């Protein structure tokens, strides 16, 4: 179910927005992309999408991914060094398991370990890096509505380095992604998108609610 605050922002489109179920096996983000791509007759199975994302960590010349890996490493080291480990946060970064004593730059062996971890749905569920990689490859801009018991916010993964040709909406509840259709459509051209939904795509920042 969509957060109720969205109704105030998109009063004309809210009743035509529907959240669709996805796998609960660690593949929800990749399943969401597959559902959306399948709706325009371009299906890509979740495991292939996962591999496409995981392969980015093997490219030592990919500066965007390198910066992401360094951020993951710093966060994961901080988690495991705490006297009382935050189990929820540890679970979120468990795909870095085995690299807590690593130093940057990663060796080929360390990159391979990370790749293998990311190929495991029980360790890597997909997050903002995966969204970015898939956005840029398919030239689709994703609007991600985030909702949990404490906060509801509009999360926008902004990147001006590419021009999208279509747009879609995801709901993130906790760590679970689901695609959102509007008037039974998952993917929209800019000119066809409802005006009140289009409003969100002109905001290149995260808007707290």
N, C-alpha and C. Protein backbone atom coordinates (compact mmCIF):
# COMPACT_ATOMS: atom_id res chain seq x y z
N UNK A 1 0.84 -1.19 0.00
CA UNK A 1 0.00 0.00 0.00
C UNK A 1 0.88 1.25 0.00
N UNK A 2 0.49 2.23 -0.80
CA UNK A 2 1.24 3.47 -0.85
C UNK A 2 1.03 4.30 0.42
N UNK A 3 2.07 5.02 0.88
CA UNK A 3 1.91 5.91 2.03
C UNK A 3 0.80 6.92 1.77
N UNK A 4 0.01 7.21 2.78
CA UNK A 4 -1.14 8.08 2.59
C UNK A 4 -0.76 9.51 2.25
N UNK A 5 0.47 9.96 2.63
CA UNK A 5 0.87 11.33 2.33
C UNK A 5 0.95 11.57 0.83
N UNK A 6 1.12 10.50 0.06
CA UNK A 6 1.24 10.67 -1.39
C UNK A 6 -0.07 11.18 -1.98
N UNK A 7 -1.19 10.80 -1.36
CA UNK A 7 -2.48 11.26 -1.87
C UNK A 7 -2.54 12.79 -1.93
N UNK A 8 -1.96 13.44 -0.92
CA UNK A 8 -1.97 14.91 -0.89
C UNK A 8 -1.14 15.49 -2.03
N UNK A 9 -0.10 14.76 -2.43
CA UNK A 9 0.80 15.26 -3.47
C UNK A 9 0.30 14.95 -4.87
N UNK A 10 -0.38 13.80 -5.02
CA UNK A 10 -0.88 13.39 -6.35
C UNK A 10 -2.37 13.06 -6.26
N UNK A 11 -3.19 14.03 -5.94
CA UNK A 11 -4.62 13.76 -5.73
C UNK A 11 -5.34 13.21 -6.96
N UNK A 12 -4.89 13.61 -8.14
CA UNK A 12 -5.56 13.15 -9.36
C UNK A 12 -5.18 11.72 -9.72
N UNK A 13 -3.95 11.32 -9.39
CA UNK A 13 -3.44 10.01 -9.83
C UNK A 13 -3.47 8.93 -8.75
N UNK A 14 -3.63 9.34 -7.49
CA UNK A 14 -3.46 8.39 -6.39
C UNK A 14 -4.33 7.15 -6.53
N UNK A 15 -5.59 7.32 -6.85
CA UNK A 15 -6.52 6.18 -6.91
C UNK A 15 -6.21 5.24 -8.08
N UNK A 16 -5.44 5.72 -9.05
CA UNK A 16 -5.08 4.86 -10.19
C UNK A 16 -3.70 4.23 -10.02
N UNK A 17 -3.04 4.48 -8.86
CA UNK A 17 -1.73 3.92 -8.58
C UNK A 17 -1.88 2.61 -7.82
N UNK A 18 -1.22 1.57 -8.31
CA UNK A 18 -1.34 0.25 -7.70
C UNK A 18 0.04 -0.35 -7.45
N UNK A 19 0.25 -0.86 -6.24
CA UNK A 19 1.50 -1.52 -5.87
C UNK A 19 1.38 -3.00 -6.23
N UNK A 20 2.40 -3.53 -6.92
CA UNK A 20 2.36 -4.92 -7.38
C UNK A 20 3.33 -5.78 -6.57
N UNK A 21 2.94 -7.01 -6.24
CA UNK A 21 3.79 -7.88 -5.41
C UNK A 21 5.04 -8.33 -6.14
N UNK A 22 6.10 -8.55 -5.36
CA UNK A 22 7.36 -9.07 -5.91
C UNK A 22 7.88 -10.19 -5.02
N UNK A 23 8.90 -10.88 -5.52
CA UNK A 23 9.52 -11.98 -4.78
C UNK A 23 10.03 -11.49 -3.42
N UNK A 24 9.96 -12.36 -2.43
CA UNK A 24 10.49 -12.03 -1.12
C UNK A 24 11.75 -12.80 -0.81
N UNK A 25 12.53 -13.13 -1.85
CA UNK A 25 13.70 -14.00 -1.69
C UNK A 25 15.02 -13.26 -1.89
N UNK A 26 15.01 -11.94 -1.71
CA UNK A 26 16.22 -11.16 -1.94
C UNK A 26 16.33 -10.60 -3.33
N UNK A 27 15.37 -10.92 -4.19
CA UNK A 27 15.41 -10.47 -5.57
C UNK A 27 14.35 -9.42 -5.87
N UNK A 28 13.76 -8.81 -4.84
CA UNK A 28 12.61 -7.94 -5.07
C UNK A 28 12.91 -6.77 -5.99
N UNK A 29 14.09 -6.14 -5.86
CA UNK A 29 14.42 -5.02 -6.72
C UNK A 29 14.55 -5.47 -8.16
N UNK A 30 15.24 -6.58 -8.37
CA UNK A 30 15.45 -7.07 -9.73
C UNK A 30 14.15 -7.61 -10.32
N UNK A 31 13.32 -8.19 -9.49
CA UNK A 31 12.00 -8.64 -9.92
C UNK A 31 11.15 -7.44 -10.32
N UNK A 32 11.26 -6.35 -9.58
CA UNK A 32 10.51 -5.13 -9.90
C UNK A 32 10.88 -4.60 -11.28
N UNK A 33 12.18 -4.56 -11.56
CA UNK A 33 12.63 -4.09 -12.88
C UNK A 33 12.13 -5.04 -13.97
N UNK A 34 12.18 -6.33 -13.72
CA UNK A 34 11.71 -7.30 -14.71
C UNK A 34 10.23 -7.10 -15.01
N UNK A 35 9.42 -6.90 -13.97
CA UNK A 35 7.98 -6.69 -14.16
C UNK A 35 7.74 -5.45 -15.01
N UNK A 36 8.49 -4.39 -14.72
CA UNK A 36 8.30 -3.14 -15.45
C UNK A 36 8.77 -3.27 -16.90
N UNK A 37 9.91 -3.92 -17.09
CA UNK A 37 10.43 -4.10 -18.45
C UNK A 37 9.55 -5.05 -19.26
N UNK A 38 9.01 -6.07 -18.58
CA UNK A 38 8.13 -7.02 -19.26
C UNK A 38 6.87 -6.34 -19.78
N UNK A 39 6.45 -5.28 -19.09
CA UNK A 39 5.23 -4.59 -19.51
C UNK A 39 5.40 -3.88 -20.85
N UNK A 40 6.65 -3.66 -21.27
CA UNK A 40 6.91 -3.06 -22.59
C UNK A 40 7.62 -4.08 -23.49
N UNK A 41 7.37 -5.36 -23.18
CA UNK A 41 7.85 -6.48 -23.99
C UNK A 41 9.37 -6.53 -24.08
N UNK A 42 10.02 -6.25 -22.94
CA UNK A 42 11.48 -6.35 -22.87
C UNK A 42 11.88 -7.03 -21.56
N UNK A 43 11.43 -8.26 -21.35
CA UNK A 43 11.72 -8.93 -20.08
C UNK A 43 13.20 -9.27 -19.92
N UNK A 44 13.70 -9.11 -18.71
CA UNK A 44 15.06 -9.52 -18.36
C UNK A 44 14.95 -10.21 -17.01
N UNK A 45 15.32 -11.48 -16.93
CA UNK A 45 15.11 -12.22 -15.70
C UNK A 45 15.92 -11.62 -14.55
N UNK A 46 15.39 -11.70 -13.33
CA UNK A 46 16.04 -11.07 -12.17
C UNK A 46 17.50 -11.46 -11.97
N UNK A 47 17.84 -12.72 -12.21
CA UNK A 47 19.21 -13.15 -11.99
C UNK A 47 20.17 -12.47 -12.98
N UNK A 48 19.72 -12.25 -14.20
CA UNK A 48 20.56 -11.56 -15.18
C UNK A 48 20.75 -10.09 -14.80
N UNK A 49 19.70 -9.48 -14.27
CA UNK A 49 19.81 -8.09 -13.81
C UNK A 49 20.76 -8.01 -12.62
N UNK A 50 20.67 -8.96 -11.71
CA UNK A 50 21.57 -9.02 -10.56
C UNK A 50 23.02 -9.14 -11.03
N UNK A 51 23.27 -10.01 -11.98
CA UNK A 51 24.64 -10.20 -12.47
C UNK A 51 25.16 -8.94 -13.13
N UNK A 52 24.31 -8.25 -13.88
CA UNK A 52 24.70 -7.01 -14.54
C UNK A 52 25.17 -5.99 -13.51
N UNK A 53 24.44 -5.89 -12.39
CA UNK A 53 24.82 -4.96 -11.32
C UNK A 53 26.10 -5.42 -10.64
N UNK A 54 26.18 -6.71 -10.32
CA UNK A 54 27.34 -7.25 -9.60
C UNK A 54 28.63 -7.09 -10.41
N UNK A 55 28.54 -7.21 -11.72
CA UNK A 55 29.73 -7.11 -12.57
C UNK A 55 30.40 -5.74 -12.49
N UNK A 56 29.65 -4.73 -12.09
CA UNK A 56 30.25 -3.40 -12.01
C UNK A 56 31.40 -3.34 -11.00
N UNK A 57 31.36 -4.18 -9.98
CA UNK A 57 32.42 -4.13 -8.96
C UNK A 57 33.71 -4.76 -9.47
N UNK A 58 33.65 -5.43 -10.61
CA UNK A 58 34.84 -6.05 -11.19
C UNK A 58 35.62 -5.07 -12.08
N UNK A 59 35.02 -3.93 -12.40
CA UNK A 59 35.64 -2.95 -13.29
C UNK A 59 36.38 -1.91 -12.47
N UNK A 60 37.69 -2.04 -12.39
CA UNK A 60 38.49 -1.13 -11.56
C UNK A 60 38.53 0.29 -12.12
N UNK A 61 38.08 0.47 -13.37
CA UNK A 61 38.07 1.80 -13.98
C UNK A 61 36.73 2.51 -13.82
N UNK A 62 35.76 1.84 -13.23
CA UNK A 62 34.44 2.42 -13.01
C UNK A 62 34.49 3.30 -11.76
N UNK A 63 34.70 4.59 -11.94
CA UNK A 63 34.92 5.49 -10.80
C UNK A 63 33.68 5.62 -9.91
N UNK A 64 32.50 5.65 -10.52
CA UNK A 64 31.28 5.76 -9.71
C UNK A 64 31.15 4.56 -8.78
N UNK A 65 31.37 3.37 -9.33
CA UNK A 65 31.27 2.16 -8.52
C UNK A 65 32.39 2.09 -7.50
N UNK A 66 33.59 2.53 -7.86
CA UNK A 66 34.69 2.53 -6.90
C UNK A 66 34.37 3.41 -5.69
N UNK A 67 33.78 4.57 -5.93
CA UNK A 67 33.40 5.44 -4.82
C UNK A 67 32.34 4.77 -3.95
N UNK A 68 31.42 4.04 -4.59
CA UNK A 68 30.39 3.33 -3.84
C UNK A 68 31.01 2.23 -2.98
N UNK A 69 31.94 1.46 -3.56
CA UNK A 69 32.59 0.38 -2.81
C UNK A 69 33.33 0.94 -1.60
N UNK A 70 34.03 2.04 -1.79
CA UNK A 70 34.77 2.65 -0.68
C UNK A 70 33.81 3.08 0.43
N UNK A 71 32.66 3.59 0.04
CA UNK A 71 31.65 3.97 1.03
C UNK A 71 31.12 2.75 1.76
N UNK A 72 30.82 1.69 1.02
CA UNK A 72 30.37 0.43 1.64
C UNK A 72 31.39 -0.06 2.66
N UNK A 73 32.67 -0.04 2.25
CA UNK A 73 33.73 -0.57 3.10
C UNK A 73 33.85 0.23 4.40
N UNK A 74 33.80 1.54 4.27
CA UNK A 74 33.89 2.41 5.45
C UNK A 74 32.73 2.16 6.41
N UNK A 75 31.53 2.06 5.85
CA UNK A 75 30.35 1.83 6.69
C UNK A 75 30.41 0.46 7.35
N UNK A 76 30.78 -0.57 6.58
CA UNK A 76 30.81 -1.93 7.12
C UNK A 76 31.87 -2.08 8.22
N UNK A 77 33.02 -1.47 8.02
CA UNK A 77 34.06 -1.51 9.06
C UNK A 77 33.56 -0.85 10.33
N UNK A 78 32.84 0.26 10.18
CA UNK A 78 32.30 0.93 11.35
C UNK A 78 31.29 0.07 12.08
N UNK A 79 30.48 -0.68 11.32
CA UNK A 79 29.47 -1.55 11.91
C UNK A 79 30.11 -2.65 12.75
N UNK A 80 31.09 -3.36 12.17
CA UNK A 80 31.67 -4.53 12.85
C UNK A 80 32.59 -4.13 14.00
N UNK A 81 33.03 -2.87 14.03
CA UNK A 81 33.92 -2.42 15.10
C UNK A 81 33.15 -1.95 16.34
N UNK A 82 31.84 -1.79 16.18
CA UNK A 82 31.01 -1.38 17.32
C UNK A 82 30.95 -2.50 18.36
N UNK A 83 30.95 -2.13 19.64
CA UNK A 83 30.87 -3.12 20.72
C UNK A 83 29.55 -3.88 20.65
N UNK A 84 28.49 -3.16 20.38
CA UNK A 84 27.17 -3.78 20.23
C UNK A 84 26.73 -3.57 18.79
N UNK A 85 26.86 -4.60 17.98
CA UNK A 85 26.58 -4.49 16.55
C UNK A 85 25.09 -4.28 16.30
N UNK A 86 24.80 -3.29 15.46
CA UNK A 86 23.43 -3.04 15.02
C UNK A 86 23.07 -4.12 14.01
N UNK A 87 22.28 -5.10 14.44
CA UNK A 87 21.99 -6.26 13.59
C UNK A 87 21.26 -5.88 12.31
N UNK A 88 20.39 -4.90 12.40
CA UNK A 88 19.64 -4.46 11.23
C UNK A 88 20.58 -3.83 10.19
N UNK A 89 21.48 -2.97 10.66
CA UNK A 89 22.43 -2.32 9.76
C UNK A 89 23.43 -3.34 9.22
N UNK A 90 23.85 -4.28 10.06
CA UNK A 90 24.77 -5.33 9.61
C UNK A 90 24.13 -6.14 8.50
N UNK A 91 22.86 -6.45 8.66
CA UNK A 91 22.14 -7.22 7.64
C UNK A 91 22.11 -6.48 6.32
N UNK A 92 21.98 -5.18 6.38
CA UNK A 92 21.90 -4.35 5.17
C UNK A 92 23.21 -4.37 4.39
N UNK A 93 24.33 -4.53 5.10
CA UNK A 93 25.65 -4.50 4.45
C UNK A 93 26.34 -5.86 4.51
N UNK A 94 25.59 -6.92 4.69
CA UNK A 94 26.20 -8.24 4.85
C UNK A 94 26.91 -8.72 3.58
N UNK A 95 26.60 -8.10 2.44
CA UNK A 95 27.30 -8.47 1.20
C UNK A 95 28.77 -8.07 1.25
N UNK A 96 29.18 -7.29 2.27
CA UNK A 96 30.59 -6.96 2.45
C UNK A 96 31.30 -7.96 3.36
N UNK A 97 30.59 -9.00 3.74
CA UNK A 97 31.15 -10.02 4.62
C UNK A 97 32.43 -10.60 4.04
N UNK A 98 33.47 -10.71 4.88
CA UNK A 98 34.76 -11.22 4.43
C UNK A 98 35.71 -10.12 4.01
N UNK A 99 35.21 -8.87 3.98
CA UNK A 99 36.04 -7.74 3.55
C UNK A 99 36.25 -6.72 4.67
N UNK A 100 35.86 -7.08 5.89
CA UNK A 100 35.95 -6.13 7.00
C UNK A 100 37.39 -5.73 7.34
N UNK A 101 38.36 -6.55 6.93
CA UNK A 101 39.77 -6.22 7.19
C UNK A 101 40.49 -5.77 5.92
N UNK A 102 39.73 -5.57 4.85
CA UNK A 102 40.33 -5.16 3.57
C UNK A 102 40.71 -3.69 3.58
N UNK A 103 41.62 -3.33 2.68
CA UNK A 103 42.01 -1.93 2.51
C UNK A 103 41.89 -1.57 1.03
N UNK A 104 41.60 -0.31 0.80
CA UNK A 104 41.47 0.17 -0.57
C UNK A 104 42.84 0.55 -1.12
N UNK A 105 43.14 0.25 -2.40
CA UNK A 105 42.26 -0.33 -3.42
C UNK A 105 42.14 -1.85 -3.29
N UNK A 106 41.00 -2.38 -3.72
CA UNK A 106 40.76 -3.81 -3.66
C UNK A 106 41.61 -4.55 -4.69
N UNK A 107 42.02 -5.74 -4.31
CA UNK A 107 42.69 -6.63 -5.24
C UNK A 107 41.63 -7.33 -6.09
N UNK A 108 42.07 -8.04 -7.12
CA UNK A 108 41.15 -8.81 -7.95
C UNK A 108 40.43 -9.85 -7.11
N UNK A 109 41.14 -10.46 -6.18
CA UNK A 109 40.54 -11.46 -5.30
C UNK A 109 39.43 -10.85 -4.44
N UNK A 110 39.67 -9.65 -3.93
CA UNK A 110 38.67 -8.99 -3.09
C UNK A 110 37.46 -8.55 -3.91
N UNK A 111 37.71 -8.07 -5.12
CA UNK A 111 36.59 -7.71 -6.01
C UNK A 111 35.76 -8.95 -6.36
N UNK A 112 36.44 -10.06 -6.57
CA UNK A 112 35.73 -11.30 -6.90
C UNK A 112 34.88 -11.78 -5.73
N UNK A 113 35.41 -11.63 -4.51
CA UNK A 113 34.63 -11.99 -3.33
C UNK A 113 33.37 -11.13 -3.23
N UNK A 114 33.52 -9.83 -3.47
CA UNK A 114 32.37 -8.93 -3.43
C UNK A 114 31.37 -9.29 -4.52
N UNK A 115 31.86 -9.58 -5.71
CA UNK A 115 30.98 -10.00 -6.81
C UNK A 115 30.17 -11.23 -6.42
N UNK A 116 30.86 -12.22 -5.87
CA UNK A 116 30.18 -13.46 -5.47
C UNK A 116 29.14 -13.20 -4.37
N UNK A 117 29.48 -12.33 -3.44
CA UNK A 117 28.52 -11.97 -2.38
C UNK A 117 27.28 -11.31 -2.98
N UNK A 118 27.49 -10.43 -3.96
CA UNK A 118 26.37 -9.72 -4.56
C UNK A 118 25.51 -10.63 -5.44
N UNK A 119 26.06 -11.72 -5.87
CA UNK A 119 25.30 -12.69 -6.66
C UNK A 119 24.43 -13.58 -5.76
N UNK A 120 24.64 -13.48 -4.46
CA UNK A 120 23.90 -14.30 -3.50
C UNK A 120 22.70 -13.50 -2.96
N UNK A 121 21.46 -13.89 -3.31
CA UNK A 121 20.28 -13.14 -2.85
C UNK A 121 20.13 -13.08 -1.34
N UNK A 122 20.75 -14.01 -0.61
CA UNK A 122 20.65 -13.97 0.84
C UNK A 122 21.60 -12.93 1.45
N UNK A 123 22.56 -12.44 0.65
CA UNK A 123 23.51 -11.44 1.14
C UNK A 123 23.23 -10.05 0.56
N UNK A 124 22.87 -10.00 -0.72
CA UNK A 124 22.68 -8.70 -1.39
C UNK A 124 21.28 -8.63 -1.96
N UNK A 125 20.53 -7.63 -1.47
CA UNK A 125 19.14 -7.47 -1.90
C UNK A 125 18.97 -6.40 -2.97
N UNK A 126 20.03 -5.64 -3.20
CA UNK A 126 19.91 -4.51 -4.12
C UNK A 126 19.59 -3.25 -3.35
N UNK A 127 20.18 -2.13 -3.74
CA UNK A 127 19.99 -0.85 -3.06
C UNK A 127 20.24 0.27 -4.07
N UNK A 128 20.62 1.44 -3.59
CA UNK A 128 20.69 2.60 -4.47
C UNK A 128 21.69 2.41 -5.61
N UNK A 129 22.80 1.73 -5.35
CA UNK A 129 23.76 1.47 -6.43
C UNK A 129 23.12 0.66 -7.54
N UNK A 130 22.38 -0.37 -7.17
CA UNK A 130 21.72 -1.21 -8.17
C UNK A 130 20.69 -0.40 -8.96
N UNK A 131 19.95 0.45 -8.27
CA UNK A 131 18.97 1.30 -8.96
C UNK A 131 19.69 2.19 -9.97
N UNK A 132 20.79 2.82 -9.55
CA UNK A 132 21.53 3.70 -10.46
C UNK A 132 22.02 2.98 -11.69
N UNK A 133 22.65 1.82 -11.48
CA UNK A 133 23.21 1.06 -12.60
C UNK A 133 22.12 0.68 -13.60
N UNK A 134 21.00 0.19 -13.10
CA UNK A 134 19.92 -0.24 -13.99
C UNK A 134 19.23 0.96 -14.64
N UNK A 135 19.11 2.04 -13.89
CA UNK A 135 18.57 3.28 -14.47
C UNK A 135 19.39 3.70 -15.69
N UNK A 136 20.69 3.77 -15.50
CA UNK A 136 21.55 4.28 -16.56
C UNK A 136 21.58 3.34 -17.76
N UNK A 137 21.59 2.04 -17.51
CA UNK A 137 21.65 1.08 -18.61
C UNK A 137 20.37 1.12 -19.45
N UNK A 138 19.22 1.13 -18.78
CA UNK A 138 17.94 1.10 -19.50
C UNK A 138 17.41 2.50 -19.81
N UNK A 139 18.15 3.52 -19.37
CA UNK A 139 17.78 4.91 -19.59
C UNK A 139 16.37 5.19 -19.08
N UNK A 140 16.14 4.72 -17.87
CA UNK A 140 14.87 4.93 -17.19
C UNK A 140 15.11 5.66 -15.88
N UNK A 141 14.31 6.69 -15.61
CA UNK A 141 14.42 7.40 -14.34
C UNK A 141 13.40 6.82 -13.37
N UNK A 142 13.88 6.37 -12.22
CA UNK A 142 13.00 5.76 -11.23
C UNK A 142 12.68 6.73 -10.10
N UNK A 143 11.42 6.87 -9.83
CA UNK A 143 10.96 7.59 -8.65
C UNK A 143 10.75 6.54 -7.57
N UNK A 144 11.42 6.71 -6.43
CA UNK A 144 11.34 5.71 -5.36
C UNK A 144 10.63 6.33 -4.15
N UNK A 145 9.42 5.88 -3.90
CA UNK A 145 8.72 6.28 -2.69
C UNK A 145 9.18 5.37 -1.56
N UNK A 146 9.66 5.97 -0.47
CA UNK A 146 10.14 5.19 0.67
C UNK A 146 9.17 5.33 1.84
N UNK A 147 8.89 4.22 2.48
CA UNK A 147 7.94 4.27 3.59
C UNK A 147 8.34 3.25 4.65
N UNK A 148 8.36 3.70 5.90
CA UNK A 148 8.52 2.76 7.01
C UNK A 148 7.66 3.27 8.17
N UNK A 149 7.79 2.67 9.32
CA UNK A 149 6.91 3.01 10.43
C UNK A 149 7.24 4.37 11.03
N UNK A 150 8.47 4.86 10.82
CA UNK A 150 8.84 6.14 11.42
C UNK A 150 8.67 7.31 10.44
N UNK A 151 9.07 7.11 9.20
CA UNK A 151 9.09 8.21 8.25
C UNK A 151 8.53 7.78 6.91
N UNK A 152 8.07 8.76 6.18
CA UNK A 152 7.70 8.57 4.78
C UNK A 152 8.35 9.70 4.01
N UNK A 153 9.09 9.36 3.01
CA UNK A 153 9.78 10.41 2.27
C UNK A 153 9.84 10.06 0.79
N UNK A 154 10.11 11.06 0.00
CA UNK A 154 10.32 10.86 -1.42
C UNK A 154 11.81 10.78 -1.67
N UNK A 155 12.28 9.64 -2.10
CA UNK A 155 13.70 9.45 -2.37
C UNK A 155 13.91 9.54 -3.87
N UNK A 156 14.84 10.38 -4.28
CA UNK A 156 15.10 10.49 -5.71
C UNK A 156 16.56 10.25 -5.99
N UNK A 157 16.84 9.25 -6.79
CA UNK A 157 18.21 8.93 -7.15
C UNK A 157 18.59 9.80 -8.34
N UNK A 158 19.21 10.95 -8.06
CA UNK A 158 19.45 11.94 -9.11
C UNK A 158 20.81 11.76 -9.76
N UNK A 159 20.84 11.82 -11.07
CA UNK A 159 22.09 11.76 -11.81
C UNK A 159 21.87 12.50 -13.12
N UNK A 160 22.58 13.57 -13.33
CA UNK A 160 22.38 14.39 -14.52
C UNK A 160 23.28 13.98 -15.68
N UNK A 161 24.03 12.88 -15.51
CA UNK A 161 25.00 12.50 -16.53
C UNK A 161 24.39 11.70 -17.69
N UNK A 162 23.11 11.40 -17.61
CA UNK A 162 22.46 10.71 -18.72
C UNK A 162 21.05 11.22 -18.90
N UNK A 163 20.49 11.02 -20.06
CA UNK A 163 19.15 11.49 -20.35
C UNK A 163 18.20 10.30 -20.43
N UNK A 164 17.25 10.21 -19.49
CA UNK A 164 16.30 9.10 -19.53
C UNK A 164 15.34 9.24 -20.70
N UNK A 165 14.84 8.11 -21.17
CA UNK A 165 13.85 8.13 -22.24
C UNK A 165 12.49 7.70 -21.72
N UNK A 166 12.46 7.22 -20.45
CA UNK A 166 11.19 6.81 -19.86
C UNK A 166 11.30 6.88 -18.33
N UNK A 167 10.17 6.68 -17.67
CA UNK A 167 10.08 6.90 -16.23
C UNK A 167 9.24 5.82 -15.58
N UNK A 168 9.58 5.50 -14.31
CA UNK A 168 8.82 4.50 -13.57
C UNK A 168 8.80 4.82 -12.09
N UNK A 169 7.97 4.10 -11.34
CA UNK A 169 7.81 4.35 -9.91
C UNK A 169 7.99 3.07 -9.13
N UNK A 170 8.77 3.14 -8.04
CA UNK A 170 8.97 2.02 -7.13
C UNK A 170 8.53 2.42 -5.72
N UNK A 171 8.07 1.43 -4.97
CA UNK A 171 7.81 1.62 -3.55
C UNK A 171 8.83 0.80 -2.77
N UNK A 172 9.50 1.44 -1.81
CA UNK A 172 10.45 0.76 -0.94
C UNK A 172 9.90 0.75 0.48
N UNK A 173 9.59 -0.43 0.97
CA UNK A 173 9.08 -0.59 2.33
C UNK A 173 10.10 -1.40 3.12
N UNK A 174 10.79 -0.75 4.05
CA UNK A 174 11.89 -1.43 4.72
C UNK A 174 12.99 -1.69 3.72
N UNK A 175 13.23 -2.96 3.39
CA UNK A 175 14.21 -3.34 2.37
C UNK A 175 13.52 -3.99 1.16
N UNK A 176 12.21 -3.86 1.09
CA UNK A 176 11.45 -4.56 0.04
C UNK A 176 10.95 -3.59 -1.03
N UNK A 177 11.34 -3.88 -2.29
CA UNK A 177 10.93 -3.07 -3.43
C UNK A 177 9.73 -3.69 -4.14
N UNK A 178 8.84 -2.81 -4.61
CA UNK A 178 7.70 -3.23 -5.42
C UNK A 178 7.44 -2.18 -6.50
N UNK A 179 7.08 -2.60 -7.70
CA UNK A 179 6.78 -1.64 -8.76
C UNK A 179 5.38 -1.06 -8.58
N UNK A 180 5.21 0.16 -9.02
CA UNK A 180 3.92 0.85 -8.92
C UNK A 180 3.43 1.18 -10.33
N UNK A 181 2.23 0.77 -10.64
CA UNK A 181 1.63 1.13 -11.92
C UNK A 181 0.70 2.32 -11.74
N UNK A 182 0.55 3.08 -12.80
CA UNK A 182 -0.39 4.21 -12.82
C UNK A 182 -1.28 4.02 -14.03
N UNK A 183 -2.57 3.90 -13.78
CA UNK A 183 -3.50 3.59 -14.88
C UNK A 183 -3.04 2.34 -15.65
N UNK A 184 -2.55 1.35 -14.87
CA UNK A 184 -2.13 0.05 -15.38
C UNK A 184 -0.86 0.10 -16.22
N UNK A 185 -0.17 1.23 -16.23
CA UNK A 185 1.10 1.34 -16.94
C UNK A 185 2.25 1.47 -15.95
N UNK A 186 3.37 0.77 -16.23
CA UNK A 186 4.54 0.84 -15.36
C UNK A 186 5.57 1.84 -15.86
N UNK A 187 5.67 1.99 -17.17
CA UNK A 187 6.71 2.82 -17.77
C UNK A 187 6.06 3.90 -18.63
N UNK A 188 6.54 5.12 -18.42
CA UNK A 188 5.91 6.27 -19.06
C UNK A 188 6.92 7.10 -19.83
N UNK A 189 6.49 7.63 -20.97
CA UNK A 189 7.22 8.70 -21.62
C UNK A 189 6.88 9.99 -20.88
N UNK A 190 7.77 10.95 -20.92
CA UNK A 190 7.57 12.18 -20.17
C UNK A 190 6.26 12.87 -20.54
N UNK A 191 5.97 12.96 -21.81
CA UNK A 191 4.78 13.68 -22.25
C UNK A 191 3.48 12.96 -21.91
N UNK A 192 3.56 11.65 -21.66
CA UNK A 192 2.35 10.87 -21.35
C UNK A 192 2.08 10.76 -19.86
N UNK A 193 3.06 11.08 -19.06
CA UNK A 193 2.93 10.91 -17.61
C UNK A 193 1.93 11.89 -17.01
N UNK A 194 1.12 11.44 -16.05
CA UNK A 194 0.20 12.37 -15.39
C UNK A 194 0.96 13.56 -14.82
N UNK A 195 0.38 14.73 -14.96
CA UNK A 195 1.08 15.97 -14.58
C UNK A 195 1.46 16.00 -13.10
N UNK A 196 0.58 15.50 -12.23
CA UNK A 196 0.89 15.58 -10.80
C UNK A 196 2.02 14.65 -10.41
N UNK A 197 2.18 13.52 -11.13
CA UNK A 197 3.31 12.62 -10.88
C UNK A 197 4.59 13.21 -11.46
N UNK A 198 4.48 13.82 -12.61
CA UNK A 198 5.63 14.44 -13.26
C UNK A 198 6.30 15.48 -12.35
N UNK A 199 5.51 16.09 -11.49
CA UNK A 199 6.01 17.10 -10.56
C UNK A 199 7.21 16.59 -9.76
N UNK A 200 7.16 15.31 -9.34
CA UNK A 200 8.23 14.76 -8.52
C UNK A 200 9.56 14.64 -9.28
N UNK A 201 9.48 14.45 -10.57
CA UNK A 201 10.69 14.21 -11.34
C UNK A 201 11.49 15.47 -11.64
N UNK A 202 10.97 16.62 -11.28
CA UNK A 202 11.72 17.85 -11.49
C UNK A 202 12.45 18.27 -10.23
N UNK A 203 12.45 17.40 -9.20
CA UNK A 203 13.12 17.70 -7.93
C UNK A 203 14.37 16.83 -7.77
N UNK A 204 15.55 17.37 -8.07
CA UNK A 204 16.79 16.57 -7.97
C UNK A 204 17.36 16.48 -6.57
N UNK A 205 16.50 16.11 -5.61
CA UNK A 205 16.97 15.98 -4.23
C UNK A 205 16.01 15.08 -3.48
N UNK A 206 16.41 14.73 -2.26
CA UNK A 206 15.55 13.92 -1.39
C UNK A 206 14.67 14.85 -0.58
N UNK A 207 13.40 14.63 -0.64
CA UNK A 207 12.44 15.49 0.05
C UNK A 207 11.85 14.75 1.24
N UNK A 208 12.16 15.22 2.44
CA UNK A 208 11.62 14.61 3.65
C UNK A 208 10.15 14.99 3.81
N UNK A 209 9.38 14.03 4.33
CA UNK A 209 7.96 14.28 4.56
C UNK A 209 7.64 14.12 6.04
